Amino acid sequence: MEFALRNLAIETVKAQLAVRRFEREGLFQKTENAETSSSDKLSAIHRMAKVEGETRGLEETLELLEDET
């Protein structure tokens, strides 16, 4: 049972990482778009920093979970 829960946790973290990477890519494209206003670009950069921090935390969590298996 514990093994199954750990595997579920690993898959959940992997899915969250995929979402963060997808979001980060979309935000990057928004900052590169010439039609995006300066205010929107600044908001996207701020969100990218937050997503980057979340991504690092998830990567660390994944490492810990995988080390336990």
Foldseek 3Di string as FASTA:
>chain_A
DVVVVLVVVLVVLVVVLVVLVVLLVVLVVLLVDPPRDPVSNVVSVVVNVVSVVVNVVSVVVNVVSVVVD
